[in-house]
All heavy atoms as atom14 arrays in JSON, in Angstrom:
{
  "sequence": "HCEQESNPKRTISLRVWQYLFLALMEYAENHP",
  "atom14_mask": [
    [1, 1, 1, 1, 1, 1, 1, 1, 1, 1, 0, 0, 0, 0],
    [1, 1, 1, 1, 1, 1, 0, 0, 0, 0, 0, 0, 0, 0],
    [1, 1, 1, 1, 1, 1, 1, 1, 1, 0, 0, 0, 0, 0],
    [1, 1, 1, 1, 1, 1, 1, 1, 1, 0, 0, 0, 0, 0],
    [1, 1, 1, 1, 1, 1, 1, 1, 1, 0, 0, 0, 0, 0],
    [1, 1, 1, 1, 1, 1, 0, 0, 0, 0, 0, 0, 0, 0],
    [1, 1, 1, 1, 1, 1, 1, 1, 0, 0, 0, 0, 0, 0],
    [1, 1, 1, 1, 1, 1, 1, 0, 0, 0, 0, 0, 0, 0],
    [1, 1, 1, 1, 1, 1, 1, 1, 1, 0, 0, 0, 0, 0],
    [1, 1, 1, 1, 1, 1, 1, 1, 1, 1, 1, 0, 0, 0],
    [1, 1, 1, 1, 1, 1, 1, 0, 0, 0, 0, 0, 0, 0],
    [1, 1, 1, 1, 1, 1, 1, 1, 0, 0, 0, 0, 0, 0],
    [1, 1, 1, 1, 1, 1, 0, 0, 0, 0, 0, 0, 0, 0],
    [1, 1, 1, 1, 1, 1, 1, 1, 0, 0, 0, 0, 0, 0],
    [1, 1, 1, 1, 1, 1, 1, 1, 1, 1, 1, 0, 0, 0],
    [1, 1, 1, 1, 1, 1, 1, 0, 0, 0, 0, 0, 0, 0],
    [1, 1, 1, 1, 1, 1, 1, 1, 1, 1, 1, 1, 1, 1],
    [1, 1, 1, 1, 1, 1, 1, 1, 1, 0, 0, 0, 0, 0],
    [1, 1, 1, 1, 1, 1, 1, 1, 1, 1, 1, 1, 0, 0],
    [1, 1, 1, 1, 1, 1, 1, 1, 0, 0, 0, 0, 0, 0],
    [1, 1, 1, 1, 1, 1, 1, 1, 1, 1, 1, 0, 0, 0],
    [1, 1, 1, 1, 1, 1, 1, 1, 0, 0, 0, 0, 0, 0],
    [1, 1, 1, 1, 1, 0, 0, 0, 0, 0, 0, 0, 0, 0],
    [1, 1, 1, 1, 1, 1, 1, 1, 0, 0, 0, 0, 0, 0],
    [1, 1, 1, 1, 1, 1, 1, 1, 0, 0, 0, 0, 0, 0],
    [1, 1, 1, 1, 1, 1, 1, 1, 1, 0, 0, 0, 0, 0],
    [1, 1, 1, 1, 1, 1, 1, 1, 1, 1, 1, 1, 0, 0],
    [1, 1, 1, 1, 1, 0, 0, 0, 0, 0, 0, 0, 0, 0],
    [1, 1, 1, 1, 1, 1, 1, 1, 1, 0, 0, 0, 0, 0],
    [1, 1, 1, 1, 1, 1, 1, 1, 0, 0, 0, 0, 0, 0],
    [1, 1, 1, 1, 1, 1, 1, 1, 1, 1, 0, 0, 0, 0],
    [1, 1, 1, 1, 1, 1, 1, 0, 0, 0, 0, 0, 0, 0]
  ],
  "atom14_positions": [
    [[5.82, 2.09, 5.56], [4.86, 1.15, 6.07], [5.35, 0.59, 7.44], [6.41, -0.12, 7.42], [4.5, 0.02, 5.11], [3.66, -1.12, 5.66], [2.36, -0.85, 6.13], [3.99, -2.39, 5.86], [1.87, -1.97, 6.55], [2.82, -2.92, 6.48], [0.0, 0.0, 0.0], [0.0, 0.0, 0.0], [0.0, 0.0, 0.0], [0.0, 0.0, 0.0]],
    [[4.47, 0.74, 8.44], [4.95, 0.27, 9.73], [4.29, -1.18, 10.05], [3.09, -1.26, 10.17], [4.5, 1.26, 10.83], [5.09, 2.92, 10.5], [0.0, 0.0, 0.0], [0.0, 0.0, 0.0], [0.0, 0.0, 0.0], [0.0, 0.0, 0.0], [0.0, 0.0, 0.0], [0.0, 0.0, 0.0], [0.0, 0.0, 0.0], [0.0, 0.0, 0.0]],
    [[5.16, -2.11, 10.07], [4.69, -3.54, 10.23], [5.16, -4.1, 11.66], [6.36, -4.3, 11.85], [5.23, -4.4, 9.09], [4.85, -5.84, 9.21], [3.27, -5.97, 9.09], [2.66, -5.42, 8.28], [2.67, -6.76, 9.95], [0.0, 0.0, 0.0], [0.0, 0.0, 0.0], [0.0, 0.0, 0.0], [0.0, 0.0, 0.0], [0.0, 0.0, 0.0]],
    [[4.3, -4.26, 12.6], [4.73, -4.71, 13.93], [4.27, -6.11, 14.17], [4.61, -6.67, 15.27], [4.08, -3.74, 14.88], [2.69, -4.07, 15.38], [1.68, -3.67, 14.31], [1.96, -2.86, 13.46], [0.39, -4.0, 14.47], [0.0, 0.0, 0.0], [0.0, 0.0, 0.0], [0.0, 0.0, 0.0], [0.0, 0.0, 0.0], [0.0, 0.0, 0.0]],
    [[3.61, -6.83, 13.3], [3.07, -8.12, 13.54], [4.33, -9.15, 13.59], [5.3, -9.05, 12.74], [2.17, -8.66, 12.42], [0.96, -7.9, 12.44], [0.01, -8.08, 13.62], [0.15, -9.12, 14.27], [-0.77, -7.26, 13.89], [0.0, 0.0, 0.0], [0.0, 0.0, 0.0], [0.0, 0.0, 0.0], [0.0, 0.0, 0.0], [0.0, 0.0, 0.0]],
    [[4.27, -9.94, 14.58], [5.35, -11.02, 14.69], [5.39, -11.97, 13.59], [6.43, -12.61, 13.27], [5.37, -11.62, 16.1], [5.62, -10.7, 17.08], [0.0, 0.0, 0.0], [0.0, 0.0, 0.0], [0.0, 0.0, 0.0], [0.0, 0.0, 0.0], [0.0, 0.0, 0.0], [0.0, 0.0, 0.0], [0.0, 0.0, 0.0], [0.0, 0.0, 0.0]],
    [[4.19, -12.26, 13.09], [4.06, -13.21, 12.01], [3.41, -12.56, 10.8], [2.18, -12.8, 10.57], [3.3, -14.49, 12.51], [4.05, -15.21, 13.56], [5.17, -15.62, 13.33], [3.4, -15.25, 14.76], [0.0, 0.0, 0.0], [0.0, 0.0, 0.0], [0.0, 0.0, 0.0], [0.0, 0.0, 0.0], [0.0, 0.0, 0.0], [0.0, 0.0, 0.0]],
    [[4.04, -11.69, 10.15], [3.4, -11.01, 8.98], [3.05, -12.0, 7.84], [3.71, -12.99, 7.68], [4.48, -9.98, 8.54], [5.71, -10.5, 9.01], [5.39, -11.24, 10.32], [0.0, 0.0, 0.0], [0.0, 0.0, 0.0], [0.0, 0.0, 0.0], [0.0, 0.0, 0.0], [0.0, 0.0, 0.0], [0.0, 0.0, 0.0], [0.0, 0.0, 0.0]],
    [[2.0, -11.69, 7.02], [1.62, -12.53, 6.0], [2.66, -12.53, 4.85], [3.29, -11.52, 4.64], [0.24, -12.19, 5.45], [-0.85, -12.31, 6.56], [-2.24, -11.81, 6.02], [-3.31, -11.98, 6.94], [-4.63, -11.68, 6.53], [0.0, 0.0, 0.0], [0.0, 0.0, 0.0], [0.0, 0.0, 0.0], [0.0, 0.0, 0.0], [0.0, 0.0, 0.0]],
    [[2.74, -13.6, 4.14], [3.67, -13.58, 2.99], [3.22, -12.69, 1.95], [4.07, -12.32, 1.09], [3.72, -15.04, 2.43], [2.66, -15.52, 1.7], [2.77, -16.94, 1.26], [1.69, -17.41, 0.34], [1.65, -17.26, -1.0], [2.79, -16.63, -1.52], [0.72, -17.65, -1.73], [0.0, 0.0, 0.0], [0.0, 0.0, 0.0], [0.0, 0.0, 0.0]],
    [[2.0, -12.2, 1.89], [1.5, -11.25, 0.85], [1.7, -9.86, 1.2], [1.16, -8.92, 0.67], [0.08, -11.53, 0.58], [-0.73, -11.37, 1.85], [-0.23, -12.98, -0.02], [0.0, 0.0, 0.0], [0.0, 0.0, 0.0], [0.0, 0.0, 0.0], [0.0, 0.0, 0.0], [0.0, 0.0, 0.0], [0.0, 0.0, 0.0], [0.0, 0.0, 0.0]],
    [[2.61, -9.51, 2.28], [2.7, -8.14, 2.69], [3.23, -7.26, 1.63], [2.81, -6.1, 1.49], [3.74, -8.13, 3.89], [3.9, -6.67, 4.44], [5.15, -8.71, 3.53], [4.69, -6.55, 5.65], [0.0, 0.0, 0.0], [0.0, 0.0, 0.0], [0.0, 0.0, 0.0], [0.0, 0.0, 0.0], [0.0, 0.0, 0.0], [0.0, 0.0, 0.0]],
    [[4.07, -7.69, 0.7], [4.61, -6.9, -0.43], [3.44, -6.47, -1.34], [3.3, -5.38, -1.82], [5.66, -7.55, -1.19], [5.27, -8.78, -1.73], [0.0, 0.0, 0.0], [0.0, 0.0, 0.0], [0.0, 0.0, 0.0], [0.0, 0.0, 0.0], [0.0, 0.0, 0.0], [0.0, 0.0, 0.0], [0.0, 0.0, 0.0], [0.0, 0.0, 0.0]],
    [[2.42, -7.45, -1.61], [1.35, -7.15, -2.41], [0.36, -6.22, -1.73], [-0.13, -5.26, -2.43], [0.66, -8.49, -2.69], [-0.49, -8.53, -3.86], [0.11, -8.09, -5.13], [-1.17, -9.76, -3.9], [0.0, 0.0, 0.0], [0.0, 0.0, 0.0], [0.0, 0.0, 0.0], [0.0, 0.0, 0.0], [0.0, 0.0, 0.0], [0.0, 0.0, 0.0]],
    [[0.19, -6.31, -0.42], [-0.65, -5.46, 0.21], [-0.01, -4.03, 0.27], [-0.87, -2.99, 0.09], [-0.83, -5.93, 1.71], [-1.57, -7.19, 1.72], [-3.14, -6.93, 1.54], [-3.71, -6.17, 2.76], [-4.81, -5.59, 2.69], [-5.54, -5.56, 1.65], [-5.32, -5.03, 3.82], [0.0, 0.0, 0.0], [0.0, 0.0, 0.0], [0.0, 0.0, 0.0]],
    [[1.21, -3.93, 0.43], [1.79, -2.55, 0.43], [1.71, -1.89, -0.91], [1.36, -0.72, -0.99], [3.35, -2.72, 0.79], [4.08, -1.33, 0.57], [3.44, -3.03, 2.3], [0.0, 0.0, 0.0], [0.0, 0.0, 0.0], [0.0, 0.0, 0.0], [0.0, 0.0, 0.0], [0.0, 0.0, 0.0], [0.0, 0.0, 0.0], [0.0, 0.0, 0.0]],
    [[1.9, -2.61, -2.03], [1.79, -2.07, -3.36], [0.33, -1.81, -3.6], [0.0, -0.76, -4.26], [2.32, -3.12, -4.41], [3.78, -2.88, -4.6], [4.77, -3.72, -4.2], [4.4, -1.76, -5.2], [6.03, -3.25, -4.49], [5.84, -2.09, -5.07], [4.05, -0.6, -5.67], [6.88, -1.16, -5.58], [5.09, 0.41, -6.18], [6.42, 0.04, -6.0]],
    [[-0.65, -2.54, -3.08], [-2.09, -2.19, -3.37], [-2.35, -1.0, -2.7], [-3.02, -0.04, -3.33], [-2.93, -3.44, -2.73], [-4.43, -3.12, -2.72], [-5.2, -4.02, -1.91], [-4.75, -4.67, -0.92], [-6.55, -4.24, -2.14], [0.0, 0.0, 0.0], [0.0, 0.0, 0.0], [0.0, 0.0, 0.0], [0.0, 0.0, 0.0], [0.0, 0.0, 0.0]],
    [[-1.97, -0.69, -1.46], [-2.16, 0.55, -0.77], [-1.57, 1.76, -1.48], [-2.12, 2.83, -1.55], [-1.55, 0.44, 0.67], [-1.96, 1.54, 1.62], [-3.18, 1.87, 1.97], [-0.87, 2.38, 2.19], [-3.46, 2.89, 2.81], [-1.08, 3.38, 2.9], [-2.4, 3.69, 3.29], [-2.68, 4.72, 4.2], [0.0, 0.0, 0.0], [0.0, 0.0, 0.0]],
    [[-0.27, 1.55, -1.92], [0.42, 2.53, -2.65], [-0.21, 2.91, -3.95], [-0.43, 4.14, -4.3], [1.86, 2.11, -2.84], [2.95, 3.15, -3.4], [2.83, 4.47, -2.68], [4.24, 2.67, -3.32], [0.0, 0.0, 0.0], [0.0, 0.0, 0.0], [0.0, 0.0, 0.0], [0.0, 0.0, 0.0], [0.0, 0.0, 0.0], [0.0, 0.0, 0.0]],
    [[-0.7, 1.95, -4.69], [-1.34, 2.25, -6.05], [-2.63, 3.0, -5.71], [-3.04, 3.94, -6.51], [-1.53, 0.89, -6.79], [-0.39, 0.45, -7.47], [0.02, -0.86, -7.52], [0.34, 1.29, -8.26], [1.03, -1.33, -8.21], [1.48, 0.88, -9.02], [1.91, -0.41, -8.98], [0.0, 0.0, 0.0], [0.0, 0.0, 0.0], [0.0, 0.0, 0.0]],
    [[-3.42, 2.59, -4.71], [-4.63, 3.34, -4.41], [-4.34, 4.83, -4.05], [-5.08, 5.74, -4.42], [-5.43, 2.72, -3.31], [-6.06, 1.36, -3.61], [-6.63, 0.68, -2.39], [-7.17, 1.53, -4.66], [0.0, 0.0, 0.0], [0.0, 0.0, 0.0], [0.0, 0.0, 0.0], [0.0, 0.0, 0.0], [0.0, 0.0, 0.0], [0.0, 0.0, 0.0]],
    [[-3.22, 4.99, -3.4], [-2.87, 6.43, -2.97], [-2.39, 7.11, -4.25], [-2.69, 8.28, -4.42], [-1.73, 6.38, -1.93], [0.0, 0.0, 0.0], [0.0, 0.0, 0.0], [0.0, 0.0, 0.0], [0.0, 0.0, 0.0], [0.0, 0.0, 0.0], [0.0, 0.0, 0.0], [0.0, 0.0, 0.0], [0.0, 0.0, 0.0], [0.0, 0.0, 0.0]],
    [[-1.75, 6.48, -5.23], [-1.42, 7.1, -6.43], [-2.6, 7.53, -7.25], [-2.6, 8.54, -7.92], [-0.49, 6.13, -7.22], [1.0, 6.09, -6.78], [1.62, 4.94, -7.59], [1.65, 7.37, -7.01], [0.0, 0.0, 0.0], [0.0, 0.0, 0.0], [0.0, 0.0, 0.0], [0.0, 0.0, 0.0], [0.0, 0.0, 0.0], [0.0, 0.0, 0.0]],
    [[-3.72, 6.58, -7.25], [-4.89, 7.0, -7.83], [-5.49, 8.22, -7.3], [-5.98, 9.09, -8.06], [-5.9, 5.84, -7.79], [-5.66, 4.7, -8.67], [-5.97, 5.16, -10.42], [-7.77, 5.54, -10.31], [0.0, 0.0, 0.0], [0.0, 0.0, 0.0], [0.0, 0.0, 0.0], [0.0, 0.0, 0.0], [0.0, 0.0, 0.0], [0.0, 0.0, 0.0]],
    [[-5.48, 8.34, -6.05], [-5.95, 9.54, -5.38], [-5.09, 10.74, -5.77], [-5.65, 11.91, -6.04], [-5.84, 9.4, -3.86], [-6.36, 10.61, -3.09], [-5.22, 11.32, -2.26], [-3.99, 10.99, -2.47], [-5.56, 12.15, -1.49], [0.0, 0.0, 0.0], [0.0, 0.0, 0.0], [0.0, 0.0, 0.0], [0.0, 0.0, 0.0], [0.0, 0.0, 0.0]],
    [[-3.84, 10.65, -5.92], [-2.97, 11.73, -6.34], [-3.28, 12.13, -7.77], [-3.39, 13.35, -8.08], [-1.43, 11.26, -6.18], [-0.53, 12.4, -6.54], [-0.07, 13.25, -5.48], [-0.16, 12.69, -7.82], [0.85, 14.3, -5.78], [0.75, 13.74, -8.11], [1.24, 14.5, -7.06], [2.03, 15.55, -7.48], [0.0, 0.0, 0.0], [0.0, 0.0, 0.0]],
    [[-3.52, 11.15, -8.68], [-3.79, 11.43, -9.93], [-5.06, 12.16, -10.19], [-5.19, 13.0, -11.05], [-3.85, 10.06, -10.75], [0.0, 0.0, 0.0], [0.0, 0.0, 0.0], [0.0, 0.0, 0.0], [0.0, 0.0, 0.0], [0.0, 0.0, 0.0], [0.0, 0.0, 0.0], [0.0, 0.0, 0.0], [0.0, 0.0, 0.0], [0.0, 0.0, 0.0]],
    [[-6.09, 11.82, -9.36], [-7.35, 12.53, -9.37], [-7.23, 13.98, -8.98], [-7.83, 14.87, -9.43], [-8.36, 11.81, -8.57], [-8.91, 10.45, -9.17], [-9.98, 9.87, -8.35], [-10.35, 10.4, -7.32], [-10.43, 8.74, -8.73], [0.0, 0.0, 0.0], [0.0, 0.0, 0.0], [0.0, 0.0, 0.0], [0.0, 0.0, 0.0], [0.0, 0.0, 0.0]],
    [[-6.44, 14.14, -7.87], [-6.29, 15.55, -7.44], [-5.29, 16.42, -8.16], [-5.3, 17.62, -8.11], [-5.79, 15.58, -5.93], [-6.78, 15.02, -4.99], [-8.04, 15.2, -5.21], [-6.36, 14.51, -3.93], [0.0, 0.0, 0.0], [0.0, 0.0, 0.0], [0.0, 0.0, 0.0], [0.0, 0.0, 0.0], [0.0, 0.0, 0.0], [0.0, 0.0, 0.0]],
    [[-4.45, 15.75, -9.0], [-3.38, 16.45, -9.88], [-3.44, 16.04, -11.3], [-2.54, 15.36, -11.81], [-2.0, 16.34, -9.28], [-1.98, 16.65, -7.78], [-2.2, 15.78, -6.83], [-1.5, 17.83, -7.17], [-2.01, 16.28, -5.61], [-1.6, 17.58, -5.8], [0.0, 0.0, 0.0], [0.0, 0.0, 0.0], [0.0, 0.0, 0.0], [0.0, 0.0, 0.0]],
    [[-4.61, 16.16, -11.99], [-4.78, 15.57, -13.32], [-3.85, 16.07, -14.39], [-3.65, 15.26, -15.35], [-6.21, 16.09, -13.61], [-6.42, 17.28, -12.93], [-5.73, 17.0, -11.63], [0.0, 0.0, 0.0], [0.0, 0.0, 0.0], [0.0, 0.0, 0.0], [0.0, 0.0, 0.0], [0.0, 0.0, 0.0], [0.0, 0.0, 0.0], [0.0, 0.0, 0.0]]
  ]
}
């Protein structure tokens, strides 16, 4: 995850996991 903001939000870890879990859902659908 490339984060260039000088003032990143404190919820950045939650956002990264949200994105990663959605990608895992995509993987699960493509590889049942």
